[in-house]
């Protein structure tokens, strides 16, 4: 499914989705700042099991934002 079709199916605009993703990314950044050792520990735990980590999520938000802006 293409992004424009997905947005249409969800009855959403790219701008609306970007705003919501920005809120989520801000919450992750705030968590990282407030609990840096816990953030690091959770990332290490995820890496040791091969799972996605909060650090990966931060990178994913950046990638998604760029993808939506370019779409």
Protein backbone atom coordinates (compact mmCIF):
# COMPACT_ATOMS: atom_id res chain seq x y z
CA UNK A 1 0.00 0.00 0.00
CA UNK A 2 1.36 3.45 -0.90
CA UNK A 3 1.48 6.23 1.72
CA UNK A 4 -1.12 8.37 -0.04
CA UNK A 5 -3.52 5.43 -0.18
CA UNK A 6 -2.87 4.63 3.48
CA UNK A 7 -3.53 8.25 4.49
CA UNK A 8 -6.73 8.27 2.44
CA UNK A 9 -7.86 4.99 4.00
CA UNK A 10 -7.17 6.40 7.47
CA UNK A 11 -8.92 9.65 6.52
CA UNK A 12 -5.80 11.56 7.52
CA UNK A 13 -3.48 14.11 6.01
CA UNK A 14 0.30 13.91 5.99
CA UNK A 15 0.42 17.09 8.08
CA UNK A 16 -1.92 15.59 10.69
CA UNK A 17 0.16 12.42 10.89
CA UNK A 18 3.37 14.45 11.19
CA UNK A 19 1.91 16.39 14.11
CA UNK A 20 0.94 13.20 15.93
CA UNK A 21 4.33 11.60 15.26
CA UNK A 22 6.05 14.75 16.52
CA UNK A 23 4.15 14.44 19.81
CA UNK A 24 5.24 10.80 20.17
CA UNK A 25 8.86 11.60 19.26
CA UNK A 26 8.87 14.44 21.78
CA UNK A 27 7.63 12.08 24.50
CA UNK A 28 10.41 9.60 23.71
CA UNK A 29 12.99 12.42 23.78
CA UNK A 30 11.58 13.68 27.09
CA UNK A 31 11.76 10.15 28.54
CA UNK A 32 15.38 9.86 27.36
CA UNK A 33 16.26 13.17 29.03
CA UNK A 34 14.41 12.46 32.26
CA UNK A 35 15.56 8.84 32.61
CA UNK A 36 18.86 8.56 30.69
CA UNK A 37 20.10 5.46 32.51
CA UNK A 38 16.78 3.66 32.18
CA UNK A 39 16.63 4.62 28.50
CA UNK A 40 20.14 3.26 27.96
CA UNK A 41 19.36 0.08 29.91
CA UNK A 42 16.19 -0.53 27.90
CA UNK A 43 18.07 0.00 24.64
CA UNK A 44 20.82 -2.40 25.72
CA UNK A 45 18.24 -5.00 26.76
CA UNK A 46 16.54 -4.71 23.39
CA UNK A 47 19.83 -4.97 21.52
CA UNK A 48 20.83 -8.07 23.46
CA UNK A 49 17.67 -9.85 22.33
CA UNK A 50 17.74 -8.50 18.78
CA UNK A 51 14.55 -6.53 19.33
CA UNK A 52 13.80 -2.95 18.37
CA UNK A 53 14.82 -0.41 21.01
CA UNK A 54 13.70 3.08 21.99
CA UNK A 55 16.83 4.33 20.22
CA UNK A 56 15.64 2.59 17.05
CA UNK A 57 12.26 4.25 17.54
CA UNK A 58 13.94 7.67 17.68
CA UNK A 59 15.66 6.98 14.36
CA UNK A 60 12.42 5.64 12.90
CA UNK A 61 10.57 8.86 13.77
CA UNK A 62 13.21 10.89 11.92
CA UNK A 63 13.01 8.60 8.91
CA UNK A 64 9.19 8.66 8.84
CA UNK A 65 9.08 12.45 9.12
CA UNK A 66 11.44 12.81 6.17
CA UNK A 67 9.48 10.20 4.18
CA UNK A 68 6.17 11.99 4.77
CA UNK A 69 7.61 15.39 3.89
CA UNK A 70 8.97 14.01 0.62
CA UNK A 71 5.72 12.16 -0.25
